[in-house]
Amino acid sequence: MNVNLLDHGLPLVALKEQRRDLIMSLIGHSGSIATEAITEIAAIQSAITAIESVIADLDEEMCSAIVAERATSVRGLSN
């Protein structure tokens, strides 16, 4: 089933861009990386993972609703 997956209004793209910007700012950095920078990147990654999980759940619910609606329509036609 080909379903157009949505971000459901969640800030996934913005968080991925923020993570990328933070990592890019470290390129060419010499010496140790500040604990705050690592902590911020890790927190953003955790948020990205959580949002991706929520999106997967929402997409599954949408697909299930579509399948149920189509099954109901088909049953209605056969009566």
PDB file of N, CA and C in Angstrom:
ATOM      1  N   MET A   1       0.854  -1.176   0.000  1.00  0.00           N
ATOM      2  CA  MET A   1       0.000   0.000   0.000  1.00  0.00           C
ATOM      3  C   MET A   1       0.900   1.239   0.000  1.00  0.00           C
ATOM      4  N   ASN A   2       0.690   2.117  -0.946  1.00  0.00           N
ATOM      5  CA  ASN A   2       1.464   3.341  -1.048  1.00  0.00           C
ATOM      6  C   ASN A   2       0.692   4.462  -0.365  1.00  0.00           C
ATOM      7  N   VAL A   3       1.188   4.905   0.779  1.00  0.00           N
ATOM      8  CA  VAL A   3       0.518   5.945   1.547  1.00  0.00           C
ATOM      9  C   VAL A   3       1.448   7.148   1.630  1.00  0.00           C
ATOM     10  N   ASN A   4       0.901   8.330   1.430  1.00  0.00           N
ATOM     11  CA  ASN A   4       1.678   9.551   1.554  1.00  0.00           C
ATOM     12  C   ASN A   4       1.895   9.843   3.040  1.00  0.00           C
ATOM     13  N   LEU A   5       3.117   9.595   3.517  1.00  0.00           N
ATOM     14  CA  LEU A   5       3.398   9.760   4.938  1.00  0.00           C
ATOM     15  C   LEU A   5       3.611  11.236   5.261  1.00  0.00           C
ATOM     16  N   LEU A   6       3.072  11.654   6.371  1.00  0.00           N
ATOM     17  CA  LEU A   6       3.129  13.047   6.793  1.00  0.00           C
ATOM     18  C   LEU A   6       4.002  13.186   8.030  1.00  0.00           C
ATOM     19  N   ASP A   7       4.390  14.411   8.331  1.00  0.00           N
ATOM     20  CA  ASP A   7       5.114  14.637   9.586  1.00  0.00           C
ATOM     21  C   ASP A   7       4.160  14.938  10.721  1.00  0.00           C
ATOM     22  N   HIS A   8       2.865  14.985  10.436  1.00  0.00           N
ATOM     23  CA  HIS A   8       1.821  15.179  11.437  1.00  0.00           C
ATOM     24  C   HIS A   8       2.008  16.469  12.236  1.00  0.00           C
ATOM     25  N   GLY A   9       2.653  17.450  11.641  1.00  0.00           N
ATOM     26  CA  GLY A   9       2.835  18.738  12.295  1.00  0.00           C
ATOM     27  C   GLY A   9       3.916  18.742  13.368  1.00  0.00           C
ATOM     28  N   LEU A  10       4.710  17.682  13.410  1.00  0.00           N
ATOM     29  CA  LEU A  10       5.771  17.595  14.413  1.00  0.00           C
ATOM     30  C   LEU A  10       7.065  18.210  13.862  1.00  0.00           C
ATOM     31  N   PRO A  11       7.926  18.710  14.726  1.00  0.00           N
ATOM     32  CA  PRO A  11       9.113  19.469  14.288  1.00  0.00           C
ATOM     33  C   PRO A  11      10.310  18.599  13.889  1.00  0.00           C
ATOM     34  N   LEU A  12      10.067  17.486  13.218  1.00  0.00           N
ATOM     35  CA  LEU A  12      11.149  16.558  12.897  1.00  0.00           C
ATOM     36  C   LEU A  12      12.212  17.186  12.005  1.00  0.00           C
ATOM     37  N   VAL A  13      11.798  17.830  10.936  1.00  0.00           N
ATOM     38  CA  VAL A  13      12.767  18.417  10.007  1.00  0.00           C
ATOM     39  C   VAL A  13      13.593  19.493  10.703  1.00  0.00           C
ATOM     40  N   ALA A  14      12.944  20.330  11.485  1.00  0.00           N
ATOM     41  CA  ALA A  14      13.659  21.400  12.199  1.00  0.00           C
ATOM     42  C   ALA A  14      14.698  20.831  13.155  1.00  0.00           C
ATOM     43  N   LEU A  15      14.339  19.752  13.853  1.00  0.00           N
ATOM     44  CA  LEU A  15      15.292  19.137  14.775  1.00  0.00           C
ATOM     45  C   LEU A  15      16.471  18.508  14.029  1.00  0.00           C
ATOM     46  N   LYS A  16      16.195  17.879  12.896  1.00  0.00           N
ATOM     47  CA  LYS A  16      17.284  17.294  12.112  1.00  0.00           C
ATOM     48  C   LYS A  16      18.217  18.378  11.583  1.00  0.00           C
ATOM     49  N   GLU A  17      17.650  19.514  11.185  1.00  0.00           N
ATOM     50  CA  GLU A  17      18.480  20.628  10.723  1.00  0.00           C
ATOM     51  C   GLU A  17      19.310  21.204  11.865  1.00  0.00           C
ATOM     52  N   GLN A  18      18.701  21.307  13.038  1.00  0.00           N
ATOM     53  CA  GLN A  18      19.427  21.821  14.205  1.00  0.00           C
ATOM     54  C   GLN A  18      20.572  20.880  14.566  1.00  0.00           C
ATOM     55  N   ARG A  19      20.315  19.573  14.535  1.00  0.00           N
ATOM     56  CA  ARG A  19      21.374  18.592  14.822  1.00  0.00           C
ATOM     57  C   ARG A  19      22.496  18.717  13.809  1.00  0.00           C
ATOM     58  N   ARG A  20      22.126  18.819  12.524  1.00  0.00           N
ATOM     59  CA  ARG A  20      23.133  18.954  11.468  1.00  0.00           C
ATOM     60  C   ARG A  20      23.981  20.207  11.679  1.00  0.00           C
ATOM     61  N   ASP A  21      23.338  21.324  11.998  1.00  0.00           N
ATOM     62  CA  ASP A  21      24.062  22.576  12.219  1.00  0.00           C
ATOM     63  C   ASP A  21      25.049  22.458  13.378  1.00  0.00           C
ATOM     64  N   LEU A  22      24.611  21.801  14.452  1.00  0.00           N
ATOM     65  CA  LEU A  22      25.505  21.624  15.596  1.00  0.00           C
ATOM     66  C   LEU A  22      26.701  20.748  15.238  1.00  0.00           C
ATOM     67  N   ILE A  23      26.445  19.691  14.495  1.00  0.00           N
ATOM     68  CA  ILE A  23      27.538  18.794  14.108  1.00  0.00           C
ATOM     69  C   ILE A  23      28.469  19.496  13.120  1.00  0.00           C
ATOM     70  N   MET A  24      27.897  20.232  12.174  1.00  0.00           N
ATOM     71  CA  MET A  24      28.725  20.963  11.209  1.00  0.00           C
ATOM     72  C   MET A  24      29.609  22.000  11.899  1.00  0.00           C
ATOM     73  N   SER A  25      29.115  22.574  12.972  1.00  0.00           N
ATOM     74  CA  SER A  25      29.913  23.574  13.692  1.00  0.00           C
ATOM     75  C   SER A  25      31.137  22.949  14.360  1.00  0.00           C
ATOM     76  N   LEU A  26      31.112  21.644  14.512  1.00  0.00           N
ATOM     77  CA  LEU A  26      32.241  20.957  15.140  1.00  0.00           C
ATOM     78  C   LEU A  26      33.309  20.536  14.139  1.00  0.00           C
ATOM     79  N   ILE A  27      32.983  20.596  12.855  1.00  0.00           N
ATOM     80  CA  ILE A  27      33.954  20.204  11.835  1.00  0.00           C
ATOM     81  C   ILE A  27      35.138  21.167  11.885  1.00  0.00           C
ATOM     82  N   GLY A  28      36.312  20.601  11.904  1.00  0.00           N
ATOM     83  CA  GLY A  28      37.529  21.397  11.964  1.00  0.00           C
ATOM     84  C   GLY A  28      37.883  21.849  13.372  1.00  0.00           C
ATOM     85  N   HIS A  29      37.030  21.478  14.323  1.00  0.00           N
ATOM     86  CA  HIS A  29      37.271  21.841  15.712  1.00  0.00           C
ATOM     87  C   HIS A  29      38.462  21.045  16.227  1.00  0.00           C
ATOM     88  N   SER A  30      39.399  21.722  16.860  1.00  0.00           N
ATOM     89  CA  SER A  30      40.528  21.008  17.441  1.00  0.00           C
ATOM     90  C   SER A  30      40.376  20.995  18.952  1.00  0.00           C
ATOM     91  N   GLY A  31      40.884  19.975  19.549  1.00  0.00           N
ATOM     92  CA  GLY A  31      40.764  19.851  20.995  1.00  0.00           C
ATOM     93  C   GLY A  31      39.494  19.105  21.368  1.00  0.00           C
ATOM     94  N   SER A  32      39.250  19.086  22.643  1.00  0.00           N
ATOM     95  CA  SER A  32      38.080  18.343  23.117  1.00  0.00           C
ATOM     96  C   SER A  32      36.798  19.146  22.862  1.00  0.00           C
ATOM     97  N   ILE A  33      35.726  18.411  22.715  1.00  0.00           N
ATOM     98  CA  ILE A  33      34.420  19.030  22.470  1.00  0.00           C
ATOM     99  C   ILE A  33      33.756  19.263  23.822  1.00  0.00           C
ATOM    100  N   ALA A  34      33.147  20.402  23.978  1.00  0.00           N
ATOM    101  CA  ALA A  34      32.503  20.750  25.238  1.00  0.00           C
ATOM    102  C   ALA A  34      31.383  19.753  25.554  1.00  0.00           C
ATOM    103  N   THR A  35      31.291  19.404  26.816  1.00  0.00           N
ATOM    104  CA  THR A  35      30.250  18.482  27.268  1.00  0.00           C
ATOM    105  C   THR A  35      28.870  19.012  26.923  1.00  0.00           C
ATOM    106  N   GLU A  36      28.681  20.327  26.978  1.00  0.00           N
ATOM    107  CA  GLU A  36      27.387  20.925  26.669  1.00  0.00           C
ATOM    108  C   GLU A  36      26.988  20.661  25.222  1.00  0.00           C
ATOM    109  N   ALA A  37      27.956  20.727  24.310  1.00  0.00           N
ATOM    110  CA  ALA A  37      27.672  20.483  22.894  1.00  0.00           C
ATOM    111  C   ALA A  37      27.259  19.032  22.679  1.00  0.00           C
ATOM    112  N   ILE A  38      27.971  18.120  23.288  1.00  0.00           N
ATOM    113  CA  ILE A  38      27.639  16.696  23.164  1.00  0.00           C
ATOM    114  C   ILE A  38      26.271  16.417  23.781  1.00  0.00           C
ATOM    115  N   THR A  39      26.009  17.020  24.932  1.00  0.00           N
ATOM    116  CA  THR A  39      24.721  16.838  25.605  1.00  0.00           C
ATOM    117  C   THR A  39      23.581  17.376  24.756  1.00  0.00           C
ATOM    118  N   GLU A  40      23.779  18.540  24.124  1.00  0.00           N
ATOM    119  CA  GLU A  40      22.738  19.130  23.282  1.00  0.00           C
ATOM    120  C   GLU A  40      22.460  18.256  22.056  1.00  0.00           C
ATOM    121  N   ILE A  41      23.509  17.764  21.428  1.00  0.00           N
ATOM    122  CA  ILE A  41      23.332  16.888  20.265  1.00  0.00           C
ATOM    123  C   ILE A  41      22.621  15.605  20.681  1.00  0.00           C
ATOM    124  N   ALA A  42      23.002  15.039  21.803  1.00  0.00           N
ATOM    125  CA  ALA A  42      22.354  13.816  22.286  1.00  0.00           C
ATOM    126  C   ALA A  42      20.875  14.055  22.607  1.00  0.00           C
ATOM    127  N   ALA A  43      20.566  15.190  23.203  1.00  0.00           N
ATOM    128  CA  ALA A  43      19.171  15.505  23.531  1.00  0.00           C
ATOM    129  C   ALA A  43      18.346  15.669  22.260  1.00  0.00           C
ATOM    130  N   ILE A  44      18.906  16.331  21.269  1.00  0.00           N
ATOM    131  CA  ILE A  44      18.202  16.508  20.000  1.00  0.00           C
ATOM    132  C   ILE A  44      17.999  15.153  19.332  1.00  0.00           C
ATOM    133  N   GLN A  45      19.015  14.294  19.369  1.00  0.00           N
ATOM    134  CA  GLN A  45      18.881  12.972  18.778  1.00  0.00           C
ATOM    135  C   GLN A  45      17.795  12.165  19.484  1.00  0.00           C
ATOM    136  N   SER A  46      17.724  12.270  20.787  1.00  0.00           N
ATOM    137  CA  SER A  46      16.674  11.572  21.536  1.00  0.00           C
ATOM    138  C   SER A  46      15.292  12.072  21.132  1.00  0.00           C
ATOM    139  N   ALA A  47      15.171  13.374  20.957  1.00  0.00           N
ATOM    140  CA  ALA A  47      13.890  13.951  20.532  1.00  0.00           C
ATOM    141  C   ALA A  47      13.529  13.477  19.123  1.00  0.00           C
ATOM    142  N   ILE A  48      14.516  13.419  18.235  1.00  0.00           N
ATOM    143  CA  ILE A  48      14.282  12.940  16.868  1.00  0.00           C
ATOM    144  C   ILE A  48      13.784  11.502  16.898  1.00  0.00           C
ATOM    145  N   THR A  49      14.437  10.667  17.677  1.00  0.00           N
ATOM    146  CA  THR A  49      14.035   9.260  17.780  1.00  0.00           C
ATOM    147  C   THR A  49      12.619   9.134  18.314  1.00  0.00           C
ATOM    148  N   ALA A  50      12.288   9.906  19.329  1.00  0.00           N
ATOM    149  CA  ALA A  50      10.942   9.862  19.908  1.00  0.00           C
ATOM    150  C   ALA A  50       9.892  10.321  18.902  1.00  0.00           C
ATOM    151  N   ILE A  51      10.178  11.390  18.182  1.00  0.00           N
ATOM    152  CA  ILE A  51       9.227  11.902  17.193  1.00  0.00           C
ATOM    153  C   ILE A  51       9.052  10.911  16.055  1.00  0.00           C
ATOM    154  N   GLU A  52      10.136  10.292  15.611  1.00  0.00           N
ATOM    155  CA  GLU A  52      10.020   9.282  14.556  1.00  0.00           C
ATOM    156  C   GLU A  52       9.145   8.121  15.013  1.00  0.00           C
ATOM    157  N   SER A  53       9.241   7.767  16.269  1.00  0.00           N
ATOM    158  CA  SER A  53       8.398   6.696  16.816  1.00  0.00           C
ATOM    159  C   SER A  53       6.925   7.106  16.829  1.00  0.00           C
ATOM    160  N   VAL A  54       6.672   8.338  17.236  1.00  0.00           N
ATOM    161  CA  VAL A  54       5.294   8.848  17.253  1.00  0.00           C
ATOM    162  C   VAL A  54       4.733   8.904  15.834  1.00  0.00           C
ATOM    163  N   ILE A  55       5.534   9.364  14.891  1.00  0.00           N
ATOM    164  CA  ILE A  55       5.091   9.436  13.498  1.00  0.00           C
ATOM    165  C   ILE A  55       4.768   8.038  12.974  1.00  0.00           C
ATOM    166  N   ALA A  56       5.608   7.064  13.290  1.00  0.00           N
ATOM    167  CA  ALA A  56       5.347   5.684  12.852  1.00  0.00           C
ATOM    168  C   ALA A  56       4.019   5.186  13.424  1.00  0.00           C
ATOM    169  N   ASP A  57       3.769   5.481  14.702  1.00  0.00           N
ATOM    170  CA  ASP A  57       2.499   5.080  15.325  1.00  0.00           C
ATOM    171  C   ASP A  57       1.303   5.770  14.660  1.00  0.00           C
ATOM    172  N   LEU A  58       1.424   7.060  14.407  1.00  0.00           N
ATOM    173  CA  LEU A  58       0.337   7.801  13.767  1.00  0.00           C
ATOM    174  C   LEU A  58       0.086   7.288  12.348  1.00  0.00           C
ATOM    175  N   ASP A  59       1.170   7.006  11.623  1.00  0.00           N
ATOM    176  CA  ASP A  59       1.021   6.473  10.271  1.00  0.00           C
ATOM    177  C   ASP A  59       0.325   5.117  10.293  1.00  0.00           C
ATOM    178  N   GLU A  60       0.682   4.276  11.254  1.00  0.00           N
ATOM    179  CA  GLU A  60       0.045   2.965  11.374  1.00  0.00           C
ATOM    180  C   GLU A  60      -1.446   3.118  11.680  1.00  0.00           C
ATOM    181  N   GLU A  61      -1.779   4.042  12.561  1.00  0.00           N
ATOM    182  CA  GLU A  61      -3.183   4.294  12.877  1.00  0.00           C
ATOM    183  C   GLU A  61      -3.943   4.784  11.640  1.00  0.00           C
ATOM    184  N   MET A  62      -3.315   5.669  10.869  1.00  0.00           N
ATOM    185  CA  MET A  62      -3.960   6.171   9.660  1.00  0.00           C
ATOM    186  C   MET A  62      -4.178   5.040   8.655  1.00  0.00           C
ATOM    187  N   CYS A  63      -3.173   4.198   8.477  1.00  0.00           N
ATOM    188  CA  CYS A  63      -3.297   3.081   7.532  1.00  0.00           C
ATOM    189  C   CYS A  63      -4.389   2.121   7.986  1.00  0.00           C
ATOM    190  N   SER A  64      -4.434   1.839   9.265  1.00  0.00           N
ATOM    191  CA  SER A  64      -5.466   0.947   9.794  1.00  0.00           C
ATOM    192  C   SER A  64      -6.854   1.535   9.585  1.00  0.00           C
ATOM    193  N   ALA A  65      -6.985   2.829   9.789  1.00  0.00           N
ATOM    194  CA  ALA A  65      -8.280   3.490   9.590  1.00  0.00           C
ATOM    195  C   ALA A  65      -8.695   3.438   8.124  1.00  0.00           C
ATOM    196  N   ILE A  66      -7.746   3.623   7.221  1.00  0.00           N
ATOM    197  CA  ILE A  66      -8.044   3.562   5.789  1.00  0.00           C
ATOM    198  C   ILE A  66      -8.497   2.160   5.404  1.00  0.00           C
ATOM    199  N   VAL A  67      -7.780   1.150   5.888  1.00  0.00           N
ATOM    200  CA  VAL A  67      -8.140  -0.242   5.586  1.00  0.00           C
ATOM    201  C   VAL A  67      -9.524  -0.553   6.142  1.00  0.00           C
ATOM    202  N   ALA A  68      -9.808  -0.129   7.366  1.00  0.00           N
ATOM    203  CA  ALA A  68     -11.119  -0.383   7.972  1.00  0.00           C
ATOM    204  C   ALA A  68     -12.221   0.323   7.194  1.00  0.00           C
ATOM    205  N   GLU A  69     -11.958   1.544   6.755  1.00  0.00           N
ATOM    206  CA  GLU A  69     -12.949   2.301   5.989  1.00  0.00           C
ATOM    207  C   GLU A  69     -13.232   1.626   4.649  1.00  0.00           C
ATOM    208  N   ARG A  70     -12.182   1.150   4.001  1.00  0.00           N
ATOM    209  CA  ARG A  70     -12.369   0.465   2.717  1.00  0.00           C
ATOM    210  C   ARG A  70     -13.127  -0.846   2.907  1.00  0.00           C
ATOM    211  N   ALA A  71     -12.822  -1.565   3.985  1.00  0.00           N
ATOM    212  CA  ALA A  71     -13.530  -2.819   4.259  1.00  0.00           C
ATOM    213  C   ALA A  71     -15.013  -2.546   4.493  1.00  0.00           C
ATOM    214  N   THR A  72     -15.309  -1.484   5.211  1.00  0.00           N
ATOM    215  CA  THR A  72     -16.703  -1.113   5.460  1.00  0.00           C
ATOM    216  C   THR A  72     -17.396  -0.749   4.151  1.00  0.00           C
ATOM    217  N   SER A  73     -16.704  -0.020   3.290  1.00  0.00           N
ATOM    218  CA  SER A  73     -17.275   0.377   1.997  1.00  0.00           C
ATOM    219  C   SER A  73     -17.564  -0.850   1.144  1.00  0.00           C
ATOM    220  N   VAL A  74     -16.638  -1.799   1.129  1.00  0.00           N
ATOM    221  CA  VAL A  74     -16.801  -3.004   0.318  1.00  0.00           C
ATOM    222  C   VAL A  74     -17.982  -3.835   0.864  1.00  0.00           C
ATOM    223  N   ARG A  75     -18.077  -3.924   2.176  1.00  0.00           N
ATOM    224  CA  ARG A  75     -19.208  -4.668   2.772  1.00  0.00           C
ATOM    225  C   ARG A  75     -20.528  -3.985   2.427  1.00  0.00           C
ATOM    226  N   GLY A  76     -20.547  -2.688   2.410  1.00  0.00           N
ATOM    227  CA  GLY A  76     -21.764  -1.939   2.072  1.00  0.00           C
ATOM    228  C   GLY A  76     -22.178  -2.150   0.636  1.00  0.00           C
ATOM    229  N   LEU A  77     -21.203  -2.302  -0.257  1.00  0.00           N
ATOM    230  CA  LEU A  77     -21.506  -2.527  -1.662  1.00  0.00           C
ATOM    231  C   LEU A  77     -22.051  -3.932  -1.915  1.00  0.00           C
ATOM    232  N   SER A  78     -21.620  -4.879  -1.093  1.00  0.00           N
ATOM    233  CA  SER A  78     -22.028  -6.264  -1.331  1.00  0.00           C
ATOM    234  C   SER A  78     -23.398  -6.563  -0.737  1.00  0.00           C
ATOM    235  N   ASN A  79     -23.947  -5.662   0.035  1.00  0.00           N
ATOM    236  CA  ASN A  79     -25.286  -5.891   0.632  1.00  0.00           C
ATOM    237  C   ASN A  79     -26.377  -5.573  -0.318  1.00  0.00           C
TER     238      ASN A  79
END
